[in-house]
């Protein structure tokens, strides 16, 4: 009987480890819901890494492997009476680290690959538009391509961009921008046949107020109704149609690459912050309908010409 005791302790230790793994949400036999939950968490991890620059995902994979490997190779102590809790915990930690030292870096590398491919796609969309002759280039895009293009346009202006996808209880916000410790919300409308109504603008303004955003943008490949333009006037929300977006992308790329474009050579610099300016149309007042030059950094800068 004395010879069987250590094996009993080992069995009990692994049993405790199995119970603990169930408590952590690892899929157990006969639990398909746990398996689906783990798949969802795996995708969430990869999607999170994909929001980083591709080199950030690679670096995270290397660091993750080095850290987890240190725990995976820890020597497993022999089971002793009265120390079963420590033995079970060490066994669980080593098992967890052994598996995740390969799984975690793999997910990071896959996320880095997604980030790299999305970056190339965004750059390709910008090149496609800047090489075109006008905003009609925007009409052939899908809503997803349009959203990627808008995000890249803001990146070229120095904003940090987080893609939301316009789903969930966020009021349809597609992009969240960060610059100078301020947050800006963006809603994209790839509408060719319909004008963006005042209701869309009001909804984004309500989300801005709820989240404490410094400003917002509603961007469309088409046009806005006159009511939407009038309502946005004087508020920290900018409406940008296809013509203005096209000019903005031209200017942003030219400022980063130093390559002059047809749109960039014609636009003056803002008298306040020296950034490029874009054509806008007055929505109300004595000059309603008239075009003027507005700073591309609005609402952070309100310079006009």
C-alpha atoms as a PDB file:
ATOM      1  CA  UNK A   1       0.000   0.000   0.000  1.00  0.00           C
ATOM      2  CA  UNK A   2       2.890   2.368   0.732  1.00  0.00           C
ATOM      3  CA  UNK A   3       4.118   2.026  -2.853  1.00  0.00           C
ATOM      4  CA  UNK A   4       0.737   3.083  -4.248  1.00  0.00           C
ATOM      5  CA  UNK A   5       0.474   6.307  -2.257  1.00  0.00           C
ATOM      6  CA  UNK A   6       2.675   8.489  -4.511  1.00  0.00           C
ATOM      7  CA  UNK A   7       0.687   7.435  -7.588  1.00  0.00           C
ATOM      8  CA  UNK A   8      -2.523   8.349  -5.739  1.00  0.00           C
ATOM      9  CA  UNK A   9      -1.104  11.788  -5.022  1.00  0.00           C
ATOM     10  CA  UNK A  10      -0.136  12.254  -8.667  1.00  0.00           C
ATOM     11  CA  UNK A  11      -3.604  11.199  -9.863  1.00  0.00           C
ATOM     12  CA  UNK A  12      -5.223  13.545  -7.387  1.00  0.00           C
ATOM     13  CA  UNK A  13      -2.882  16.368  -8.491  1.00  0.00           C
ATOM     14  CA  UNK A  14      -3.768  15.939 -12.135  1.00  0.00           C
ATOM     15  CA  UNK A  15      -7.433  15.722 -11.170  1.00  0.00           C
ATOM     16  CA  UNK A  16      -7.131  19.070  -9.421  1.00  0.00           C
ATOM     17  CA  UNK A  17      -5.394  20.492 -12.488  1.00  0.00           C
ATOM     18  CA  UNK A  18      -8.226  19.233 -14.690  1.00  0.00           C
ATOM     19  CA  UNK A  19     -10.813  20.818 -12.388  1.00  0.00           C
ATOM     20  CA  UNK A  20      -8.894  24.085 -12.490  1.00  0.00           C
ATOM     21  CA  UNK A  21      -8.729  24.006 -16.285  1.00  0.00           C
ATOM     22  CA  UNK A  22     -12.494  23.654 -16.367  1.00  0.00           C
ATOM     23  CA  UNK A  23     -12.807  26.661 -14.087  1.00  0.00           C
ATOM     24  CA  UNK A  24     -10.621  28.650 -16.497  1.00  0.00           C
ATOM     25  CA  UNK A  25     -13.028  27.918 -19.327  1.00  0.00           C
ATOM     26  CA  UNK A  26     -10.913  25.341 -21.173  1.00  0.00           C
ATOM     27  CA  UNK A  27     -13.125  22.999 -23.217  1.00  0.00           C
ATOM     28  CA  UNK A  28     -13.881  19.706 -21.526  1.00  0.00           C
ATOM     29  CA  UNK A  29     -15.313  16.549 -23.002  1.00  0.00           C
ATOM     30  CA  UNK A  30     -19.007  16.943 -23.763  1.00  0.00           C
ATOM     31  CA  UNK A  31     -18.853  20.773 -23.569  1.00  0.00           C
ATOM     32  CA  UNK A  32     -19.219  22.157 -27.124  1.00  0.00           C
ATOM     33  CA  UNK A  33     -20.123  25.624 -25.818  1.00  0.00           C
ATOM     34  CA  UNK A  34     -16.721  25.903 -24.127  1.00  0.00           C
ATOM     35  CA  UNK A  35     -15.047  24.987 -27.402  1.00  0.00           C
ATOM     36  CA  UNK A  36     -16.954  27.697 -29.250  1.00  0.00           C
ATOM     37  CA  UNK A  37     -16.086  30.192 -26.541  1.00  0.00           C
ATOM     38  CA  UNK A  38     -12.414  29.372 -26.890  1.00  0.00           C
ATOM     39  CA  UNK A  39     -12.614  29.819 -30.667  1.00  0.00           C
ATOM     40  CA  UNK A  40     -14.152  33.249 -30.126  1.00  0.00           C
ATOM     41  CA  UNK A  41     -11.405  34.227 -27.696  1.00  0.00           C
ATOM     42  CA  UNK A  42      -8.779  33.037 -30.171  1.00  0.00           C
ATOM     43  CA  UNK A  43     -10.240  35.222 -32.905  1.00  0.00           C
ATOM     44  CA  UNK A  44     -10.451  38.164 -30.508  1.00  0.00           C
ATOM     45  CA  UNK A  45      -6.745  37.774 -29.718  1.00  0.00           C
ATOM     46  CA  UNK A  46      -5.796  37.690 -33.388  1.00  0.00           C
ATOM     47  CA  UNK A  47      -8.046  40.668 -34.185  1.00  0.00           C
ATOM     48  CA  UNK A  48      -6.505  42.631 -31.323  1.00  0.00           C
ATOM     49  CA  UNK A  49      -2.972  41.983 -32.567  1.00  0.00           C
ATOM     50  CA  UNK A  50      -4.087  42.907 -36.100  1.00  0.00           C
ATOM     51  CA  UNK A  51      -4.810  46.454 -34.880  1.00  0.00           C
ATOM     52  CA  UNK A  52      -1.089  46.883 -34.126  1.00  0.00           C
ATOM     53  CA  UNK A  53       1.568  47.614 -36.753  1.00  0.00           C
ATOM     54  CA  UNK A  54       2.754  44.315 -38.268  1.00  0.00           C
ATOM     55  CA  UNK A  55       6.141  44.613 -36.574  1.00  0.00           C
ATOM     56  CA  UNK A  56       4.371  45.063 -33.230  1.00  0.00           C
ATOM     57  CA  UNK A  57       2.678  41.675 -33.671  1.00  0.00           C
ATOM     58  CA  UNK A  58       6.026  40.027 -34.493  1.00  0.00           C
ATOM     59  CA  UNK A  59       7.678  41.585 -31.450  1.00  0.00           C
ATOM     60  CA  UNK A  60       4.795  40.462 -29.233  1.00  0.00           C
ATOM     61  CA  UNK A  61       5.159  36.907 -30.564  1.00  0.00           C
ATOM     62  CA  UNK A  62       8.867  36.793 -29.687  1.00  0.00           C
ATOM     63  CA  UNK A  63       8.404  38.268 -26.215  1.00  0.00           C
ATOM     64  CA  UNK A  64       5.424  36.001 -25.526  1.00  0.00           C
ATOM     65  CA  UNK A  65       7.384  32.873 -26.457  1.00  0.00           C
ATOM     66  CA  UNK A  66      10.409  33.826 -24.323  1.00  0.00           C
ATOM     67  CA  UNK A  67       8.256  34.547 -21.267  1.00  0.00           C
ATOM     68  CA  UNK A  68       6.025  31.476 -21.541  1.00  0.00           C
ATOM     69  CA  UNK A  69       8.972  29.195 -22.300  1.00  0.00           C
ATOM     70  CA  UNK A  70      10.553  30.091 -18.953  1.00  0.00           C
ATOM     71  CA  UNK A  71       7.483  28.733 -17.166  1.00  0.00           C
ATOM     72  CA  UNK A  72       7.128  25.731 -19.470  1.00  0.00           C
ATOM     73  CA  UNK A  73      10.593  24.395 -18.590  1.00  0.00           C
ATOM     74  CA  UNK A  74      10.258  24.838 -14.822  1.00  0.00           C
ATOM     75  CA  UNK A  75      11.053  21.524 -13.093  1.00  0.00           C
ATOM     76  CA  UNK A  76       7.995  19.772 -11.704  1.00  0.00           C
ATOM     77  CA  UNK A  77       8.457  19.051  -7.992  1.00  0.00           C
ATOM     78  CA  UNK A  78       7.693  15.622  -6.615  1.00  0.00           C
ATOM     79  CA  UNK A  79       4.347  15.233  -4.882  1.00  0.00           C
ATOM     80  CA  UNK A  80       4.622  15.350  -1.106  1.00  0.00           C
ATOM     81  CA  UNK A  81       1.917  14.784   1.511  1.00  0.00           C
ATOM     82  CA  UNK A  82       0.378  18.081   2.559  1.00  0.00           C
ATOM     83  CA  UNK A  83       1.672  19.940  -0.518  1.00  0.00           C
ATOM     84  CA  UNK A  84      -0.899  18.817  -3.065  1.00  0.00           C
ATOM     85  CA  UNK A  85      -2.241  22.335  -3.728  1.00  0.00           C
ATOM     86  CA  UNK A  86       1.205  23.621  -4.667  1.00  0.00           C
ATOM     87  CA  UNK A  87       1.911  20.529  -6.758  1.00  0.00           C
ATOM     88  CA  UNK A  88      -1.371  20.883  -8.668  1.00  0.00           C
ATOM     89  CA  UNK A  89      -0.793  24.599  -9.242  1.00  0.00           C
ATOM     90  CA  UNK A  90       2.745  24.050 -10.559  1.00  0.00           C
ATOM     91  CA  UNK A  91       1.550  21.246 -12.829  1.00  0.00           C
ATOM     92  CA  UNK A  92      -1.259  23.401 -14.211  1.00  0.00           C
ATOM     93  CA  UNK A  93       1.087  26.347 -14.788  1.00  0.00           C
ATOM     94  CA  UNK A  94       3.641  24.206 -16.628  1.00  0.00           C
ATOM     95  CA  UNK A  95       0.939  22.601 -18.787  1.00  0.00           C
ATOM     96  CA  UNK A  96      -0.595  25.977 -19.600  1.00  0.00           C
ATOM     97  CA  UNK A  97       2.790  27.529 -20.467  1.00  0.00           C
ATOM     98  CA  UNK A  98       3.881  24.540 -22.566  1.00  0.00           C
ATOM     99  CA  UNK A  99       0.807  24.812 -24.768  1.00  0.00           C
ATOM    100  CA  UNK A 100       0.642  28.608 -24.988  1.00  0.00           C
ATOM    101  CA  UNK A 101       4.355  29.107 -25.705  1.00  0.00           C
ATOM    102  CA  UNK A 102       3.477  27.955 -29.227  1.00  0.00           C
ATOM    103  CA  UNK A 103      -0.172  28.969 -29.482  1.00  0.00           C
ATOM    104  CA  UNK A 104       0.218  32.598 -28.382  1.00  0.00           C
ATOM    105  CA  UNK A 105       3.101  33.433 -30.783  1.00  0.00           C
ATOM    106  CA  UNK A 106       1.214  31.732 -33.623  1.00  0.00           C
ATOM    107  CA  UNK A 107      -1.835  33.942 -33.051  1.00  0.00           C
ATOM    108  CA  UNK A 108       0.413  37.022 -32.850  1.00  0.00           C
ATOM    109  CA  UNK A 109       2.116  36.132 -36.141  1.00  0.00           C
ATOM    110  CA  UNK A 110      -1.231  35.556 -37.835  1.00  0.00           C
ATOM    111  CA  UNK A 111      -2.441  38.907 -36.493  1.00  0.00           C
ATOM    112  CA  UNK A 112       0.762  40.548 -37.777  1.00  0.00           C
ATOM    113  CA  UNK A 113       0.134  39.038 -41.209  1.00  0.00           C
ATOM    114  CA  UNK A 114      -3.420  40.406 -41.239  1.00  0.00           C
ATOM    115  CA  UNK A 115      -2.085  43.821 -40.188  1.00  0.00           C
ATOM    116  CA  UNK A 116       0.512  43.769 -42.971  1.00  0.00           C
ATOM    117  CA  UNK A 117      -2.034  42.789 -45.635  1.00  0.00           C
ATOM    118  CA  UNK A 118      -4.518  45.442 -44.466  1.00  0.00           C
ATOM    119  CA  UNK A 119      -1.767  48.050 -44.494  1.00  0.00           C
ATOM    120  CA  UNK A 120      -0.891  47.161 -48.079  1.00  0.00           C
ATOM    121  CA  UNK A 121      -4.542  47.275 -49.071  1.00  0.00           C
ATOM    122  CA  UNK A 122      -5.018  50.715 -47.500  1.00  0.00           C
ATOM    123  CA  UNK A 123      -1.897  52.040 -49.220  1.00  0.00           C
ATOM    124  CA  UNK A 124      -3.114  50.591 -52.517  1.00  0.00           C
ATOM    125  CA  UNK A 125      -6.477  52.326 -52.136  1.00  0.00           C
ATOM    126  CA  UNK A 126      -4.770  55.660 -51.485  1.00  0.00           C
ATOM    127  CA  UNK A 127      -2.570  55.211 -54.567  1.00  0.00           C
ATOM    128  CA  UNK A 128      -5.620  54.290 -56.621  1.00  0.00           C
ATOM    129  CA  UNK A 129      -7.427  57.464 -55.581  1.00  0.00           C
ATOM    130  CA  UNK A 130      -4.465  59.839 -55.865  1.00  0.00           C
ATOM    131  CA  UNK A 131      -3.704  58.588 -59.345  1.00  0.00           C
ATOM    132  CA  UNK A 132      -7.291  59.221 -60.403  1.00  0.00           C
ATOM    133  CA  UNK A 133      -8.629  62.403 -61.916  1.00  0.00           C
ATOM    134  CA  UNK A 134     -11.472  63.059 -59.497  1.00  0.00           C
ATOM    135  CA  UNK A 135     -13.708  61.836 -56.666  1.00  0.00           C
ATOM    136  CA  UNK A 136     -15.578  59.506 -59.022  1.00  0.00           C
ATOM    137  CA  UNK A 137     -12.834  57.012 -58.126  1.00  0.00           C
ATOM    138  CA  UNK A 138     -14.633  56.593 -54.781  1.00  0.00           C
ATOM    139  CA  UNK A 139     -17.845  55.348 -56.346  1.00  0.00           C
ATOM    140  CA  UNK A 140     -16.449  51.991 -57.414  1.00  0.00           C
ATOM    141  CA  UNK A 141     -15.428  51.008 -53.874  1.00  0.00           C
ATOM    142  CA  UNK A 142     -17.236  48.720 -51.482  1.00  0.00           C
ATOM    143  CA  UNK A 143     -18.290  50.127 -48.111  1.00  0.00           C
ATOM    144  CA  UNK A 144     -15.399  48.267 -46.462  1.00  0.00           C
ATOM    145  CA  UNK A 145     -12.825  49.651 -48.901  1.00  0.00           C
ATOM    146  CA  UNK A 146     -14.262  53.120 -48.397  1.00  0.00           C
ATOM    147  CA  UNK A 147     -13.889  52.790 -44.630  1.00  0.00           C
ATOM    148  CA  UNK A 148     -10.279  51.608 -44.986  1.00  0.00           C
ATOM    149  CA  UNK A 149      -9.522  54.526 -47.301  1.00  0.00           C
ATOM    150  CA  UNK A 150     -10.954  57.086 -44.887  1.00  0.00           C
ATOM    151  CA  UNK A 151      -8.954  55.577 -42.023  1.00  0.00           C
ATOM    152  CA  UNK A 152      -5.749  55.764 -44.044  1.00  0.00           C
ATOM    153  CA  UNK A 153      -6.470  59.383 -44.972  1.00  0.00           C
ATOM    154  CA  UNK A 154      -6.567  60.272 -41.277  1.00  0.00           C
ATOM    155  CA  UNK A 155      -3.441  58.211 -40.576  1.00  0.00           C
ATOM    156  CA  UNK A 156      -1.605  60.269 -43.174  1.00  0.00           C
ATOM    157  CA  UNK A 157      -2.618  63.357 -41.183  1.00  0.00           C
ATOM    158  CA  UNK A 158      -1.039  61.992 -38.021  1.00  0.00           C
ATOM    159  CA  UNK A 159      -4.091  60.505 -36.312  1.00  0.00           C
ATOM    160  CA  UNK A 160      -4.036  57.157 -34.525  1.00  0.00           C
ATOM    161  CA  UNK A 161      -6.948  55.226 -36.015  1.00  0.00           C
ATOM    162  CA  UNK A 162      -8.969  52.391 -34.476  1.00  0.00           C
ATOM    163  CA  UNK A 163     -11.418  50.657 -36.772  1.00  0.00           C
ATOM    164  CA  UNK A 164     -14.773  49.877 -35.181  1.00  0.00           C
ATOM    165  CA  UNK A 165     -16.661  48.407 -38.097  1.00  0.00           C
ATOM    166  CA  UNK A 166     -19.791  50.446 -37.396  1.00  0.00           C
ATOM    167  CA  UNK A 167     -21.470  47.611 -35.475  1.00  0.00           C
ATOM    168  CA  UNK A 168     -22.752  47.195 -31.949  1.00  0.00           C
ATOM    169  CA  UNK A 169     -24.124  49.770 -29.544  1.00  0.00           C
ATOM    170  CA  UNK A 170     -21.744  52.539 -30.657  1.00  0.00           C
ATOM    171  CA  UNK A 171     -24.213  54.524 -32.740  1.00  0.00           C
ATOM    172  CA  UNK A 172     -22.694  53.345 -36.012  1.00  0.00           C
ATOM    173  CA  UNK A 173     -19.220  54.771 -35.349  1.00  0.00           C
ATOM    174  CA  UNK A 174     -16.784  53.350 -37.898  1.00  0.00           C
ATOM    175  CA  UNK A 175     -13.482  54.919 -36.799  1.00  0.00           C
ATOM    176  CA  UNK A 176     -12.139  56.314 -33.536  1.00  0.00           C
ATOM    177  CA  UNK A 177      -9.319  58.833 -33.950  1.00  0.00           C
ATOM    178  CA  UNK A 178      -6.748  59.929 -31.381  1.00  0.00           C
ATOM    179  CA  UNK A 179      -4.548  62.993 -31.736  1.00  0.00           C
ATOM    180  CA  UNK A 180      -3.018  65.342 -29.170  1.00  0.00           C
ATOM    181  CA  UNK A 181      -4.845  63.433 -26.394  1.00  0.00           C
ATOM    182  CA  UNK A 182      -8.196  64.208 -28.001  1.00  0.00           C
ATOM    183  CA  UNK A 183     -10.720  61.704 -29.359  1.00  0.00           C
ATOM    184  CA  UNK A 184     -12.678  62.127 -32.568  1.00  0.00           C
ATOM    185  CA  UNK A 185     -15.432  59.877 -33.949  1.00  0.00           C
ATOM    186  CA  UNK A 186     -15.968  59.132 -37.627  1.00  0.00           C
ATOM    187  CA  UNK A 187     -18.977  57.721 -39.437  1.00  0.00           C
ATOM    188  CA  UNK A 188     -18.549  56.639 -43.061  1.00  0.00           C
ATOM    189  CA  UNK A 189     -21.386  56.507 -45.580  1.00  0.00           C
ATOM    190  CA  UNK A 190     -20.597  54.907 -48.912  1.00  0.00           C
ATOM    191  CA  UNK A 191     -23.848  56.096 -50.470  1.00  0.00           C
ATOM    192  CA  UNK A 192     -23.945  56.729 -54.198  1.00  0.00           C
ATOM    193  CA  UNK A 193     -27.652  57.298 -54.784  1.00  0.00           C
ATOM    194  CA  UNK A 194     -28.819  58.852 -51.483  1.00  0.00           C
ATOM    195  CA  UNK A 195     -27.898  62.045 -49.664  1.00  0.00           C
ATOM    196  CA  UNK A 196     -26.874  61.773 -46.005  1.00  0.00           C
ATOM    197  CA  UNK A 197     -29.680  63.181 -43.878  1.00  0.00           C
ATOM    198  CA  UNK A 198     -29.630  65.338 -40.773  1.00  0.00           C
ATOM    199  CA  UNK A 199     -30.676  62.316 -38.674  1.00  0.00           C
ATOM    200  CA  UNK A 200     -27.324  60.629 -39.314  1.00  0.00           C
ATOM    201  CA  UNK A 201     -25.474  63.768 -38.234  1.00  0.00           C
ATOM    202  CA  UNK A 202     -27.578  64.137 -35.086  1.00  0.00           C
ATOM    203  CA  UNK A 203     -27.005  60.516 -34.113  1.00  0.00           C
ATOM    204  CA  UNK A 204     -23.223  60.867 -34.334  1.00  0.00           C
ATOM    205  CA  UNK A 205     -23.381  64.124 -32.392  1.00  0.00           C
ATOM    206  CA  UNK A 206     -25.266  62.332 -29.613  1.00  0.00           C
ATOM    207  CA  UNK A 207     -22.620  59.599 -29.445  1.00  0.00           C
ATOM    208  CA  UNK A 208     -19.896  62.273 -29.344  1.00  0.00           C
ATOM    209  CA  UNK A 209     -21.575  63.904 -26.348  1.00  0.00           C
ATOM    210  CA  UNK A 210     -22.018  60.545 -24.574  1.00  0.00           C
ATOM    211  CA  UNK A 211     -18.366  59.556 -25.075  1.00  0.00           C
ATOM    212  CA  UNK A 212     -16.889  63.001 -24.480  1.00  0.00           C
ATOM    213  CA  UNK A 213     -15.324  63.227 -27.947  1.00  0.00           C
ATOM    214  CA  UNK A 214     -13.684  66.491 -28.965  1.00  0.00           C
ATOM    215  CA  UNK A 215     -15.121  66.357 -32.468  1.00  0.00           C
ATOM    216  CA  UNK A 216     -16.565  64.186 -35.176  1.00  0.00           C
ATOM    217  CA  UNK A 217     -16.679  63.609 -38.904  1.00  0.00           C
ATOM    218  CA  UNK A 218     -19.432  62.290 -41.165  1.00  0.00           C
ATOM    219  CA  UNK A 219     -17.841  61.311 -44.471  1.00  0.00           C
ATOM    220  CA  UNK A 220     -19.667  60.221 -47.596  1.00  0.00           C
ATOM    221  CA  UNK A 221     -18.767  59.503 -51.193  1.00  0.00           C
ATOM    222  CA  UNK A 222     -21.944  61.326 -52.164  1.00  0.00           C
ATOM    223  CA  UNK A 223     -23.638  64.452 -50.810  1.00  0.00           C
ATOM    224  CA  UNK A 224     -25.455  65.796 -47.735  1.00  0.00           C
ATOM    225  CA  UNK A 225     -28.928  67.255 -47.519  1.00  0.00           C
ATOM    226  CA  UNK A 226     -29.170  71.001 -46.948  1.00  0.00           C
ATOM    227  CA  UNK A 227     -30.744  70.313 -43.531  1.00  0.00           C
ATOM    228  CA  UNK A 228     -27.715  68.245 -42.495  1.00  0.00           C
ATOM    229  CA  UNK A 229     -25.311  70.994 -43.583  1.00  0.00           C
ATOM    230  CA  UNK A 230     -27.269  73.690 -41.740  1.00  0.00           C
ATOM    231  CA  UNK A 231     -27.560  71.633 -38.555  1.00  0.00           C
ATOM    232  CA  UNK A 232     -23.802  70.875 -38.438  1.00  0.00           C
ATOM    233  CA  UNK A 233     -22.861  74.526 -38.906  1.00  0.00           C
ATOM    234  CA  UNK A 234     -21.323  75.940 -35.736  1.00  0.00           C
ATOM    235  CA  UNK A 235     -20.955  72.532 -34.072  1.00  0.00           C
ATOM    236  CA  UNK A 236     -17.767  70.504 -33.613  1.00  0.00           C
ATOM    237  CA  UNK A 237     -18.766  68.041 -36.307  1.00  0.00           C
ATOM    238  CA  UNK A 238     -17.508  68.233 -39.876  1.00  0.00           C
ATOM    239  CA  UNK A 239     -19.322  66.982 -42.952  1.00  0.00           C
ATOM    240  CA  UNK A 240     -17.052  65.812 -45.758  1.00  0.00           C
ATOM    241  CA  UNK A 241     -18.374  64.821 -49.175  1.00  0.00           C
ATOM    242  CA  UNK A 242     -16.622  62.984 -51.987  1.00  0.00           C
ATOM    243  CA  UNK A 243     -14.950  66.080 -53.432  1.00  0.00           C
ATOM    244  CA  UNK A 244     -13.539  67.125 -50.061  1.00  0.00           C
ATOM    245  CA  UNK A 245     -12.366  63.606 -49.214  1.00  0.00           C
ATOM    246  CA  UNK A 246     -10.596  63.321 -52.560  1.00  0.00           C
ATOM    247  CA  UNK A 247      -8.798  66.633 -51.982  1.00  0.00           C
ATOM    248  CA  UNK A 248      -7.930  65.641 -48.413  1.00  0.00           C
ATOM    249  CA  UNK A 249      -6.323  62.356 -49.516  1.00  0.00           C
ATOM    250  CA  UNK A 250      -4.352  64.133 -52.230  1.00  0.00           C
ATOM    251  CA  UNK A 251      -3.034  66.694 -49.762  1.00  0.00           C
ATOM    252  CA  UNK A 252      -2.304  64.208 -46.993  1.00  0.00           C
ATOM    253  CA  UNK A 253      -0.257  61.952 -49.244  1.00  0.00           C
ATOM    254  CA  UNK A 254       1.614  64.877 -50.756  1.00  0.00           C
ATOM    255  CA  UNK A 255       2.533  66.199 -47.287  1.00  0.00           C
ATOM    256  CA  UNK A 256       3.929  62.791 -46.262  1.00  0.00           C
ATOM    257  CA  UNK A 257       5.757  61.839 -49.459  1.00  0.00           C
ATOM    258  CA  UNK A 258       6.763  65.270 -50.712  1.00  0.00           C
ATOM    259  CA  UNK A 259       5.327  64.414 -54.120  1.00  0.00           C
ATOM    260  CA  UNK A 260       3.209  67.251 -55.511  1.00  0.00           C
ATOM    261  CA  UNK A 261      -0.213  66.371 -56.860  1.00  0.00           C
ATOM    262  CA  UNK A 262      -2.648  68.351 -58.938  1.00  0.00           C
ATOM    263  CA  UNK A 263      -4.855  68.945 -55.912  1.00  0.00           C
ATOM    264  CA  UNK A 264      -2.010  69.771 -53.553  1.00  0.00           C
ATOM    265  CA  UNK A 265      -0.389  72.462 -55.727  1.00  0.00           C
ATOM    266  CA  UNK A 266      -3.605  74.500 -55.904  1.00  0.00           C
ATOM    267  CA  UNK A 267      -4.531  74.610 -52.211  1.00  0.00           C
ATOM    268  CA  UNK A 268      -3.151  77.265 -49.843  1.00  0.00           C
ATOM    269  CA  UNK A 269      -1.781  76.630 -46.354  1.00  0.00           C
ATOM    270  CA  UNK A 270      -3.873  77.383 -43.290  1.00  0.00           C
ATOM    271  CA  UNK A 271      -2.992  80.840 -41.892  1.00  0.00           C
ATOM    272  CA  UNK A 272      -3.308  79.486 -38.333  1.00  0.00           C
ATOM    273  CA  UNK A 273      -1.507  76.097 -38.302  1.00  0.00           C
ATOM    274  CA  UNK A 274       0.066  75.971 -41.807  1.00  0.00           C
ATOM    275  CA  UNK A 275      -1.612  72.642 -42.677  1.00  0.00           C
ATOM    276  CA  UNK A 276      -3.203  72.163 -46.088  1.00  0.00           C
ATOM    277  CA  UNK A 277      -6.688  73.560 -46.630  1.00  0.00           C
ATOM    278  CA  UNK A 278      -9.720  72.037 -48.372  1.00  0.00           C
ATOM    279  CA  UNK A 279     -12.666  73.503 -50.236  1.00  0.00           C
ATOM    280  CA  UNK A 280     -15.871  73.787 -48.194  1.00  0.00           C
ATOM    281  CA  UNK A 281     -19.307  75.250 -48.783  1.00  0.00           C
ATOM    282  CA  UNK A 282     -21.065  77.627 -46.403  1.00  0.00           C
ATOM    283  CA  UNK A 283     -24.319  76.102 -45.168  1.00  0.00           C
ATOM    284  CA  UNK A 284     -26.084  79.225 -43.952  1.00  0.00           C
ATOM    285  CA  UNK A 285     -25.735  82.927 -43.361  1.00  0.00           C
ATOM    286  CA  UNK A 286     -25.128  85.705 -45.848  1.00  0.00           C
ATOM    287  CA  UNK A 287     -22.649  83.536 -47.769  1.00  0.00           C
ATOM    288  CA  UNK A 288     -24.777  80.360 -47.848  1.00  0.00           C
ATOM    289  CA  UNK A 289     -23.806  78.210 -50.818  1.00  0.00           C
ATOM    290  CA  UNK A 290     -20.512  80.003 -51.366  1.00  0.00           C
ATOM    291  CA  UNK A 291     -17.272  78.031 -51.274  1.00  0.00           C
ATOM    292  CA  UNK A 292     -14.358  78.889 -49.000  1.00  0.00           C
ATOM    293  CA  UNK A 293     -11.063  77.399 -47.848  1.00  0.00           C
ATOM    294  CA  UNK A 294     -11.195  75.589 -44.493  1.00  0.00           C
ATOM    295  CA  UNK A 295      -8.360  73.956 -42.554  1.00  0.00           C
ATOM    296  CA  UNK A 296      -8.017  70.195 -43.103  1.00  0.00           C
ATOM    297  CA  UNK A 297      -7.393  69.830 -39.348  1.00  0.00           C
ATOM    298  CA  UNK A 298     -10.913  70.973 -38.410  1.00  0.00           C
ATOM    299  CA  UNK A 299     -12.246  70.836 -35.706  1.00  0.00           C
ATOM    300  CA  UNK A 300      -8.826  71.072 -34.008  1.00  0.00           C
ATOM    301  CA  UNK A 301      -8.122  74.155 -36.130  1.00  0.00           C
ATOM    302  CA  UNK A 302     -10.788  76.476 -37.504  1.00  0.00           C
ATOM    303  CA  UNK A 303      -8.636  78.541 -39.847  1.00  0.00           C
ATOM    304  CA  UNK A 304     -10.340  79.786 -43.030  1.00  0.00           C
ATOM    305  CA  UNK A 305      -9.527  81.800 -46.139  1.00  0.00           C
END
